[in-house]
Amino acid sequence: MASSAMVRLLLVPSLHGPRDGSLEPLSARAVLADALPLSVDLSQPEAATAHLDLLFHLVSTVRSYHLHLPPEIGAAPELIKAAIQRHDENSAA
């Protein structure tokens, strides 16, 4: 297993809005508002601090999107793969 990986984009799954596998751009503020209540365990201050530092770094350095999950959740991996490919193609242009 790899000990590190390059993050090229941040996808936040969503069951709100269209259920069609589409991507909706998200601001850093929106990502933090969605993610913070669900992702930080304040009972472990050191871990919470490290997690928050990483989250703030990610939202300030990579593009973020809501991934509107399709009704067939099994299709999500291919949608994620396609989103990464589109992102890479647009970044190279």
PDB file of N, CA and C in Angstrom:
ATOM      1  N   MET A   1       0.847  -1.170   0.000  1.00  0.00           N
ATOM      2  CA  MET A   1       0.000   0.000   0.000  1.00  0.00           C
ATOM      3  C   MET A   1       0.898   1.239   0.000  1.00  0.00           C
ATOM      4  N   ALA A   2       0.500   2.230  -0.760  1.00  0.00           N
ATOM      5  CA  ALA A   2       1.261   3.479  -0.842  1.00  0.00           C
ATOM      6  C   ALA A   2       1.119   4.266   0.452  1.00  0.00           C
ATOM      7  N   SER A   3       2.189   4.921   0.854  1.00  0.00           N
ATOM      8  CA  SER A   3       2.120   5.733   2.071  1.00  0.00           C
ATOM      9  C   SER A   3       1.696   7.166   1.785  1.00  0.00           C
ATOM     10  N   SER A   4       1.681   7.540   0.511  1.00  0.00           N
ATOM     11  CA  SER A   4       1.228   8.879   0.146  1.00  0.00           C
ATOM     12  C   SER A   4       0.703   8.861  -1.281  1.00  0.00           C
ATOM     13  N   ALA A   5      -0.055   9.875  -1.595  1.00  0.00           N
ATOM     14  CA  ALA A   5      -0.610  10.012  -2.943  1.00  0.00           C
ATOM     15  C   ALA A   5      -0.828  11.488  -3.229  1.00  0.00           C
ATOM     16  N   MET A   6      -0.755  11.843  -4.514  1.00  0.00           N
ATOM     17  CA  MET A   6      -1.013  13.218  -4.913  1.00  0.00           C
ATOM     18  C   MET A   6      -2.529  13.414  -5.054  1.00  0.00           C
ATOM     19  N   VAL A   7      -3.055  14.423  -4.399  1.00  0.00           N
ATOM     20  CA  VAL A   7      -4.484  14.734  -4.500  1.00  0.00           C
ATOM     21  C   VAL A   7      -4.651  15.738  -5.630  1.00  0.00           C
ATOM     22  N   ARG A   8      -5.461  15.369  -6.636  1.00  0.00           N
ATOM     23  CA  ARG A   8      -5.660  16.244  -7.789  1.00  0.00           C
ATOM     24  C   ARG A   8      -6.987  16.980  -7.730  1.00  0.00           C
ATOM     25  N   LEU A   9      -7.976  16.417  -7.067  1.00  0.00           N
ATOM     26  CA  LEU A   9      -9.250  17.084  -6.861  1.00  0.00           C
ATOM     27  C   LEU A   9      -9.952  16.446  -5.690  1.00  0.00           C
ATOM     28  N   LEU A  10     -10.889  17.173  -5.136  1.00  0.00           N
ATOM     29  CA  LEU A  10     -11.631  16.709  -3.975  1.00  0.00           C
ATOM     30  C   LEU A  10     -13.081  16.528  -4.386  1.00  0.00           C
ATOM     31  N   LEU A  11     -13.594  15.309  -4.229  1.00  0.00           N
ATOM     32  CA  LEU A  11     -14.985  15.010  -4.553  1.00  0.00           C
ATOM     33  C   LEU A  11     -15.742  14.756  -3.258  1.00  0.00           C
ATOM     34  N   VAL A  12     -16.819  15.497  -3.065  1.00  0.00           N
ATOM     35  CA  VAL A  12     -17.656  15.353  -1.882  1.00  0.00           C
ATOM     36  C   VAL A  12     -18.963  14.712  -2.343  1.00  0.00           C
ATOM     37  N   PRO A  13     -19.223  13.469  -1.935  1.00  0.00           N
ATOM     38  CA  PRO A  13     -20.455  12.810  -2.375  1.00  0.00           C
ATOM     39  C   PRO A  13     -21.687  13.537  -1.866  1.00  0.00           C
ATOM     40  N   SER A  14     -22.722  13.541  -2.687  1.00  0.00           N
ATOM     41  CA  SER A  14     -23.962  14.223  -2.309  1.00  0.00           C
ATOM     42  C   SER A  14     -25.173  13.421  -2.764  1.00  0.00           C
ATOM     43  N   LEU A  15     -26.148  13.334  -1.886  1.00  0.00           N
ATOM     44  CA  LEU A  15     -27.427  12.710  -2.233  1.00  0.00           C
ATOM     45  C   LEU A  15     -28.495  13.775  -2.464  1.00  0.00           C
ATOM     46  N   HIS A  16     -28.090  15.050  -2.424  1.00  0.00           N
ATOM     47  CA  HIS A  16     -29.011  16.163  -2.648  1.00  0.00           C
ATOM     48  C   HIS A  16     -28.860  16.638  -4.085  1.00  0.00           C
ATOM     49  N   GLY A  17     -29.927  17.157  -4.643  1.00  0.00           N
ATOM     50  CA  GLY A  17     -29.868  17.633  -6.024  1.00  0.00           C
ATOM     51  C   GLY A  17     -30.050  16.471  -6.989  1.00  0.00           C
ATOM     52  N   PRO A  18     -29.575  16.657  -8.208  1.00  0.00           N
ATOM     53  CA  PRO A  18     -29.773  15.606  -9.214  1.00  0.00           C
ATOM     54  C   PRO A  18     -29.047  14.327  -8.816  1.00  0.00           C
ATOM     55  N   ARG A  19     -29.629  13.198  -9.123  1.00  0.00           N
ATOM     56  CA  ARG A  19     -28.998  11.901  -8.844  1.00  0.00           C
ATOM     57  C   ARG A  19     -28.482  11.337 -10.164  1.00  0.00           C
ATOM     58  N   ASP A  20     -27.615  12.112 -10.818  1.00  0.00           N
ATOM     59  CA  ASP A  20     -27.226  11.765 -12.182  1.00  0.00           C
ATOM     60  C   ASP A  20     -25.719  11.603 -12.383  1.00  0.00           C
ATOM     61  N   GLY A  21     -24.951  11.626 -11.313  1.00  0.00           N
ATOM     62  CA  GLY A  21     -23.511  11.488 -11.447  1.00  0.00           C
ATOM     63  C   GLY A  21     -22.804  12.751 -11.883  1.00  0.00           C
ATOM     64  N   SER A  22     -23.514  13.874 -11.891  1.00  0.00           N
ATOM     65  CA  SER A  22     -22.891  15.117 -12.332  1.00  0.00           C
ATOM     66  C   SER A  22     -22.003  15.710 -11.237  1.00  0.00           C
ATOM     67  N   LEU A  23     -21.139  16.609 -11.664  1.00  0.00           N
ATOM     68  CA  LEU A  23     -20.261  17.317 -10.747  1.00  0.00           C
ATOM     69  C   LEU A  23     -20.699  18.764 -10.644  1.00  0.00           C
ATOM     70  N   GLU A  24     -20.674  19.305  -9.436  1.00  0.00           N
ATOM     71  CA  GLU A  24     -21.007  20.707  -9.193  1.00  0.00           C
ATOM     72  C   GLU A  24     -19.834  21.340  -8.447  1.00  0.00           C
ATOM     73  N   PRO A  25     -19.240  22.383  -9.015  1.00  0.00           N
ATOM     74  CA  PRO A  25     -18.110  23.024  -8.326  1.00  0.00           C
ATOM     75  C   PRO A  25     -18.500  23.478  -6.919  1.00  0.00           C
ATOM     76  N   LEU A  26     -17.569  23.331  -5.991  1.00  0.00           N
ATOM     77  CA  LEU A  26     -17.778  23.741  -4.607  1.00  0.00           C
ATOM     78  C   LEU A  26     -16.690  24.719  -4.192  1.00  0.00           C
ATOM     79  N   SER A  27     -17.067  25.710  -3.443  1.00  0.00           N
ATOM     80  CA  SER A  27     -16.077  26.625  -2.882  1.00  0.00           C
ATOM     81  C   SER A  27     -15.418  25.955  -1.671  1.00  0.00           C
ATOM     82  N   ALA A  28     -14.276  26.474  -1.282  1.00  0.00           N
ATOM     83  CA  ALA A  28     -13.601  25.963  -0.088  1.00  0.00           C
ATOM     84  C   ALA A  28     -14.521  26.077   1.125  1.00  0.00           C
ATOM     85  N   ARG A  29     -15.224  27.199   1.228  1.00  0.00           N
ATOM     86  CA  ARG A  29     -16.142  27.410   2.352  1.00  0.00           C
ATOM     87  C   ARG A  29     -17.238  26.344   2.383  1.00  0.00           C
ATOM     88  N   ALA A  30     -17.782  25.997   1.217  1.00  0.00           N
ATOM     89  CA  ALA A  30     -18.839  24.983   1.168  1.00  0.00           C
ATOM     90  C   ALA A  30     -18.315  23.610   1.571  1.00  0.00           C
ATOM     91  N   VAL A  31     -17.101  23.279   1.120  1.00  0.00           N
ATOM     92  CA  VAL A  31     -16.510  21.992   1.499  1.00  0.00           C
ATOM     93  C   VAL A  31     -16.356  21.932   3.015  1.00  0.00           C
ATOM     94  N   LEU A  32     -15.802  22.982   3.588  1.00  0.00           N
ATOM     95  CA  LEU A  32     -15.591  22.995   5.033  1.00  0.00           C
ATOM     96  C   LEU A  32     -16.915  22.922   5.784  1.00  0.00           C
ATOM     97  N   ALA A  33     -17.911  23.641   5.321  1.00  0.00           N
ATOM     98  CA  ALA A  33     -19.220  23.614   5.988  1.00  0.00           C
ATOM     99  C   ALA A  33     -19.831  22.220   5.950  1.00  0.00           C
ATOM    100  N   ASP A  34     -19.655  21.507   4.817  1.00  0.00           N
ATOM    101  CA  ASP A  34     -20.196  20.149   4.694  1.00  0.00           C
ATOM    102  C   ASP A  34     -19.375  19.136   5.478  1.00  0.00           C
ATOM    103  N   ALA A  35     -18.059  19.274   5.426  1.00  0.00           N
ATOM    104  CA  ALA A  35     -17.177  18.235   5.951  1.00  0.00           C
ATOM    105  C   ALA A  35     -16.880  18.346   7.438  1.00  0.00           C
ATOM    106  N   LEU A  36     -16.728  19.545   7.931  1.00  0.00           N
ATOM    107  CA  LEU A  36     -16.288  19.688   9.327  1.00  0.00           C
ATOM    108  C   LEU A  36     -17.177  18.977  10.347  1.00  0.00           C
ATOM    109  N   PRO A  37     -18.489  19.144  10.284  1.00  0.00           N
ATOM    110  CA  PRO A  37     -19.304  18.486  11.314  1.00  0.00           C
ATOM    111  C   PRO A  37     -19.216  16.956  11.271  1.00  0.00           C
ATOM    112  N   LEU A  38     -18.855  16.408  10.131  1.00  0.00           N
ATOM    113  CA  LEU A  38     -18.828  14.957   9.972  1.00  0.00           C
ATOM    114  C   LEU A  38     -17.443  14.346  10.123  1.00  0.00           C
ATOM    115  N   SER A  39     -16.407  15.170  10.106  1.00  0.00           N
ATOM    116  CA  SER A  39     -15.084  14.586   9.976  1.00  0.00           C
ATOM    117  C   SER A  39     -14.098  14.892  11.092  1.00  0.00           C
ATOM    118  N   VAL A  40     -14.479  15.648  12.069  1.00  0.00           N
ATOM    119  CA  VAL A  40     -13.521  16.018  13.105  1.00  0.00           C
ATOM    120  C   VAL A  40     -13.991  15.451  14.453  1.00  0.00           C
ATOM    121  N   ASP A  41     -13.125  14.651  15.057  1.00  0.00           N
ATOM    122  CA  ASP A  41     -13.388  14.095  16.375  1.00  0.00           C
ATOM    123  C   ASP A  41     -12.684  14.976  17.400  1.00  0.00           C
ATOM    124  N   LEU A  42     -13.429  15.849  18.016  1.00  0.00           N
ATOM    125  CA  LEU A  42     -12.850  16.809  18.955  1.00  0.00           C
ATOM    126  C   LEU A  42     -12.402  16.166  20.263  1.00  0.00           C
ATOM    127  N   SER A  43     -12.737  14.899  20.486  1.00  0.00           N
ATOM    128  CA  SER A  43     -12.287  14.229  21.705  1.00  0.00           C
ATOM    129  C   SER A  43     -10.804  13.875  21.631  1.00  0.00           C
ATOM    130  N   GLN A  44     -10.218  13.975  20.435  1.00  0.00           N
ATOM    131  CA  GLN A  44      -8.786  13.727  20.241  1.00  0.00           C
ATOM    132  C   GLN A  44      -8.171  14.984  19.620  1.00  0.00           C
ATOM    133  N   PRO A  45      -7.810  15.968  20.446  1.00  0.00           N
ATOM    134  CA  PRO A  45      -7.374  17.275  19.938  1.00  0.00           C
ATOM    135  C   PRO A  45      -6.213  17.221  18.943  1.00  0.00           C
ATOM    136  N   GLU A  46      -5.226  16.391  19.184  1.00  0.00           N
ATOM    137  CA  GLU A  46      -4.083  16.340  18.262  1.00  0.00           C
ATOM    138  C   GLU A  46      -4.507  15.815  16.897  1.00  0.00           C
ATOM    139  N   ALA A  47      -5.310  14.762  16.896  1.00  0.00           N
ATOM    140  CA  ALA A  47      -5.797  14.203  15.634  1.00  0.00           C
ATOM    141  C   ALA A  47      -6.702  15.202  14.927  1.00  0.00           C
ATOM    142  N   ALA A  48      -7.550  15.903  15.677  1.00  0.00           N
ATOM    143  CA  ALA A  48      -8.450  16.898  15.093  1.00  0.00           C
ATOM    144  C   ALA A  48      -7.652  18.032  14.457  1.00  0.00           C
ATOM    145  N   THR A  49      -6.601  18.476  15.120  1.00  0.00           N
ATOM    146  CA  THR A  49      -5.767  19.550  14.583  1.00  0.00           C
ATOM    147  C   THR A  49      -5.100  19.113  13.282  1.00  0.00           C
ATOM    148  N   ALA A  50      -4.536  17.913  13.271  1.00  0.00           N
ATOM    149  CA  ALA A  50      -3.888  17.398  12.055  1.00  0.00           C
ATOM    150  C   ALA A  50      -4.903  17.262  10.925  1.00  0.00           C
ATOM    151  N   HIS A  51      -6.089  16.791  11.261  1.00  0.00           N
ATOM    152  CA  HIS A  51      -7.140  16.618  10.253  1.00  0.00           C
ATOM    153  C   HIS A  51      -7.572  17.970   9.683  1.00  0.00           C
ATOM    154  N   LEU A  52      -7.772  18.934  10.557  1.00  0.00           N
ATOM    155  CA  LEU A  52      -8.168  20.269  10.097  1.00  0.00           C
ATOM    156  C   LEU A  52      -7.082  20.908   9.238  1.00  0.00           C
ATOM    157  N   ASP A  53      -5.820  20.763   9.638  1.00  0.00           N
ATOM    158  CA  ASP A  53      -4.720  21.298   8.842  1.00  0.00           C
ATOM    159  C   ASP A  53      -4.723  20.700   7.436  1.00  0.00           C
ATOM    160  N   LEU A  54      -4.913  19.391   7.352  1.00  0.00           N
ATOM    161  CA  LEU A  54      -4.950  18.726   6.051  1.00  0.00           C
ATOM    162  C   LEU A  54      -6.152  19.193   5.234  1.00  0.00           C
ATOM    163  N   LEU A  55      -7.306  19.278   5.856  1.00  0.00           N
ATOM    164  CA  LEU A  55      -8.510  19.709   5.148  1.00  0.00           C
ATOM    165  C   LEU A  55      -8.365  21.137   4.621  1.00  0.00           C
ATOM    166  N   PHE A  56      -7.858  22.036   5.446  1.00  0.00           N
ATOM    167  CA  PHE A  56      -7.640  23.421   4.998  1.00  0.00           C
ATOM    168  C   PHE A  56      -6.635  23.466   3.851  1.00  0.00           C
ATOM    169  N   HIS A  57      -5.582  22.660   3.941  1.00  0.00           N
ATOM    170  CA  HIS A  57      -4.595  22.610   2.860  1.00  0.00           C
ATOM    171  C   HIS A  57      -5.250  22.117   1.561  1.00  0.00           C
ATOM    172  N   LEU A  58      -6.026  21.060   1.654  1.00  0.00           N
ATOM    173  CA  LEU A  58      -6.670  20.512   0.451  1.00  0.00           C
ATOM    174  C   LEU A  58      -7.594  21.518  -0.216  1.00  0.00           C
ATOM    175  N   VAL A  59      -8.472  22.140   0.567  1.00  0.00           N
ATOM    176  CA  VAL A  59      -9.449  23.041  -0.050  1.00  0.00           C
ATOM    177  C   VAL A  59      -8.794  24.302  -0.597  1.00  0.00           C
ATOM    178  N   SER A  60      -7.584  24.602  -0.151  1.00  0.00           N
ATOM    179  CA  SER A  60      -6.914  25.791  -0.674  1.00  0.00           C
ATOM    180  C   SER A  60      -5.996  25.484  -1.850  1.00  0.00           C
ATOM    181  N   THR A  61      -5.791  24.205  -2.159  1.00  0.00           N
ATOM    182  CA  THR A  61      -4.853  23.863  -3.235  1.00  0.00           C
ATOM    183  C   THR A  61      -5.454  23.059  -4.383  1.00  0.00           C
ATOM    184  N   VAL A  62      -6.601  22.431  -4.192  1.00  0.00           N
ATOM    185  CA  VAL A  62      -7.203  21.639  -5.269  1.00  0.00           C
ATOM    186  C   VAL A  62      -8.647  22.058  -5.488  1.00  0.00           C
ATOM    187  N   ARG A  63      -9.150  21.787  -6.668  1.00  0.00           N
ATOM    188  CA  ARG A  63     -10.558  22.074  -6.967  1.00  0.00           C
ATOM    189  C   ARG A  63     -11.444  21.061  -6.266  1.00  0.00           C
ATOM    190  N   SER A  64     -12.604  21.530  -5.856  1.00  0.00           N
ATOM    191  CA  SER A  64     -13.545  20.681  -5.127  1.00  0.00           C
ATOM    192  C   SER A  64     -14.884  20.654  -5.848  1.00  0.00           C
ATOM    193  N   TYR A  65     -15.539  19.494  -5.796  1.00  0.00           N
ATOM    194  CA  TYR A  65     -16.824  19.304  -6.465  1.00  0.00           C
ATOM    195  C   TYR A  65     -17.730  18.441  -5.609  1.00  0.00           C
ATOM    196  N   HIS A  66     -19.033  18.717  -5.697  1.00  0.00           N
ATOM    197  CA  HIS A  66     -20.030  17.753  -5.242  1.00  0.00           C
ATOM    198  C   HIS A  66     -20.155  16.718  -6.344  1.00  0.00           C
ATOM    199  N   LEU A  67     -20.116  15.464  -5.992  1.00  0.00           N
ATOM    200  CA  LEU A  67     -20.437  14.380  -6.920  1.00  0.00           C
ATOM    201  C   LEU A  67     -21.852  13.951  -6.575  1.00  0.00           C
ATOM    202  N   HIS A  68     -22.800  14.285  -7.459  1.00  0.00           N
ATOM    203  CA  HIS A  68     -24.196  13.903  -7.237  1.00  0.00           C
ATOM    204  C   HIS A  68     -24.325  12.423  -7.570  1.00  0.00           C
ATOM    205  N   LEU A  69     -24.394  11.623  -6.521  1.00  0.00           N
ATOM    206  CA  LEU A  69     -24.384  10.175  -6.692  1.00  0.00           C
ATOM    207  C   LEU A  69     -25.589   9.702  -7.502  1.00  0.00           C
ATOM    208  N   PRO A  70     -25.351   8.778  -8.416  1.00  0.00           N
ATOM    209  CA  PRO A  70     -26.442   8.242  -9.227  1.00  0.00           C
ATOM    210  C   PRO A  70     -27.252   7.232  -8.417  1.00  0.00           C
ATOM    211  N   PRO A  71     -28.452   6.898  -8.898  1.00  0.00           N
ATOM    212  CA  PRO A  71     -29.265   5.901  -8.181  1.00  0.00           C
ATOM    213  C   PRO A  71     -28.529   4.560  -8.046  1.00  0.00           C
ATOM    214  N   GLU A  72     -27.761   4.198  -9.065  1.00  0.00           N
ATOM    215  CA  GLU A  72     -26.988   2.961  -9.019  1.00  0.00           C
ATOM    216  C   GLU A  72     -25.600   3.288  -8.487  1.00  0.00           C
ATOM    217  N   ILE A  73     -25.398   3.084  -7.181  1.00  0.00           N
ATOM    218  CA  ILE A  73     -24.152   3.477  -6.536  1.00  0.00           C
ATOM    219  C   ILE A  73     -22.949   2.735  -7.114  1.00  0.00           C
ATOM    220  N   GLY A  74     -23.170   1.585  -7.708  1.00  0.00           N
ATOM    221  CA  GLY A  74     -22.086   0.828  -8.322  1.00  0.00           C
ATOM    222  C   GLY A  74     -21.440   1.559  -9.487  1.00  0.00           C
ATOM    223  N   ALA A  75     -22.127   2.572 -10.015  1.00  0.00           N
ATOM    224  CA  ALA A  75     -21.573   3.359 -11.124  1.00  0.00           C
ATOM    225  C   ALA A  75     -20.604   4.432 -10.632  1.00  0.00           C
ATOM    226  N   ALA A  76     -20.558   4.680  -9.343  1.00  0.00           N
ATOM    227  CA  ALA A  76     -19.734   5.768  -8.799  1.00  0.00           C
ATOM    228  C   ALA A  76     -18.245   5.639  -9.135  1.00  0.00           C
ATOM    229  N   PRO A  77     -17.626   4.466  -9.032  1.00  0.00           N
ATOM    230  CA  PRO A  77     -16.191   4.401  -9.357  1.00  0.00           C
ATOM    231  C   PRO A  77     -15.867   4.865 -10.777  1.00  0.00           C
ATOM    232  N   GLU A  78     -16.668   4.502 -11.741  1.00  0.00           N
ATOM    233  CA  GLU A  78     -16.430   4.942 -13.124  1.00  0.00           C
ATOM    234  C   GLU A  78     -16.640   6.442 -13.266  1.00  0.00           C
ATOM    235  N   LEU A  79     -17.623   6.989 -12.558  1.00  0.00           N
ATOM    236  CA  LEU A  79     -17.854   8.437 -12.586  1.00  0.00           C
ATOM    237  C   LEU A  79     -16.667   9.184 -11.984  1.00  0.00           C
ATOM    238  N   ILE A  80     -16.125   8.641 -10.905  1.00  0.00           N
ATOM    239  CA  ILE A  80     -14.957   9.263 -10.269  1.00  0.00           C
ATOM    240  C   ILE A  80     -13.756   9.201 -11.205  1.00  0.00           C
ATOM    241  N   LYS A  81     -13.550   8.062 -11.838  1.00  0.00           N
ATOM    242  CA  LYS A  81     -12.449   7.914 -12.801  1.00  0.00           C
ATOM    243  C   LYS A  81     -12.590   8.921 -13.937  1.00  0.00           C
ATOM    244  N   ALA A  82     -13.798   9.063 -14.472  1.00  0.00           N
ATOM    245  CA  ALA A  82     -14.042  10.008 -15.562  1.00  0.00           C
ATOM    246  C   ALA A  82     -13.822  11.448 -15.097  1.00  0.00           C
ATOM    247  N   ALA A  83     -14.230  11.764 -13.862  1.00  0.00           N
ATOM    248  CA  ALA A  83     -14.034  13.119 -13.332  1.00  0.00           C
ATOM    249  C   ALA A  83     -12.551  13.442 -13.218  1.00  0.00           C
ATOM    250  N   ILE A  84     -11.766  12.493 -12.764  1.00  0.00           N
ATOM    251  CA  ILE A  84     -10.322  12.704 -12.652  1.00  0.00           C
ATOM    252  C   ILE A  84      -9.709  12.897 -14.036  1.00  0.00           C
ATOM    253  N   GLN A  85     -10.130  12.096 -14.994  1.00  0.00           N
ATOM    254  CA  GLN A  85      -9.599  12.234 -16.356  1.00  0.00           C
ATOM    255  C   GLN A  85      -9.951  13.593 -16.948  1.00  0.00           C
ATOM    256  N   ARG A  86     -11.202  14.049 -16.786  1.00  0.00           N
ATOM    257  CA  ARG A  86     -11.601  15.366 -17.296  1.00  0.00           C
ATOM    258  C   ARG A  86     -10.796  16.466 -16.619  1.00  0.00           C
ATOM    259  N   HIS A  87     -10.628  16.341 -15.319  1.00  0.00           N
ATOM    260  CA  HIS A  87      -9.855  17.331 -14.571  1.00  0.00           C
ATOM    261  C   HIS A  87      -8.425  17.392 -15.098  1.00  0.00           C
ATOM    262  N   ASP A  88      -7.807  16.242 -15.308  1.00  0.00           N
ATOM    263  CA  ASP A  88      -6.428  16.198 -15.799  1.00  0.00           C
ATOM    264  C   ASP A  88      -6.315  16.788 -17.212  1.00  0.00           C
ATOM    265  N   GLU A  89      -7.303  16.491 -18.061  1.00  0.00           N
ATOM    266  CA  GLU A  89      -7.297  17.029 -19.431  1.00  0.00           C
ATOM    267  C   GLU A  89      -7.446  18.546 -19.392  1.00  0.00           C
ATOM    268  N   ASN A  90      -8.345  19.050 -18.552  1.00  0.00           N
ATOM    269  CA  ASN A  90      -8.551  20.504 -18.466  1.00  0.00           C
ATOM    270  C   ASN A  90      -7.341  21.206 -17.858  1.00  0.00           C
ATOM    271  N   SER A  91      -6.665  20.553 -16.923  1.00  0.00           N
ATOM    272  CA  SER A  91      -5.485  21.137 -16.295  1.00  0.00           C
ATOM    273  C   SER A  91      -4.313  21.214 -17.270  1.00  0.00           C
ATOM    274  N   ALA A  92      -4.259  20.256 -18.178  1.00  0.00           N
ATOM    275  CA  ALA A  92      -3.156  20.217 -19.145  1.00  0.00           C
ATOM    276  C   ALA A  92      -3.352  21.232 -20.261  1.00  0.00           C
ATOM    277  N   ALA A  93      -4.602  21.648 -20.489  1.00  0.00           N
ATOM    278  CA  ALA A  93      -4.896  22.576 -21.597  1.00  0.00           C
ATOM    279  C   ALA A  93      -4.469  23.991 -21.305  1.00  0.00           C
TER     280      ALA A  93
END
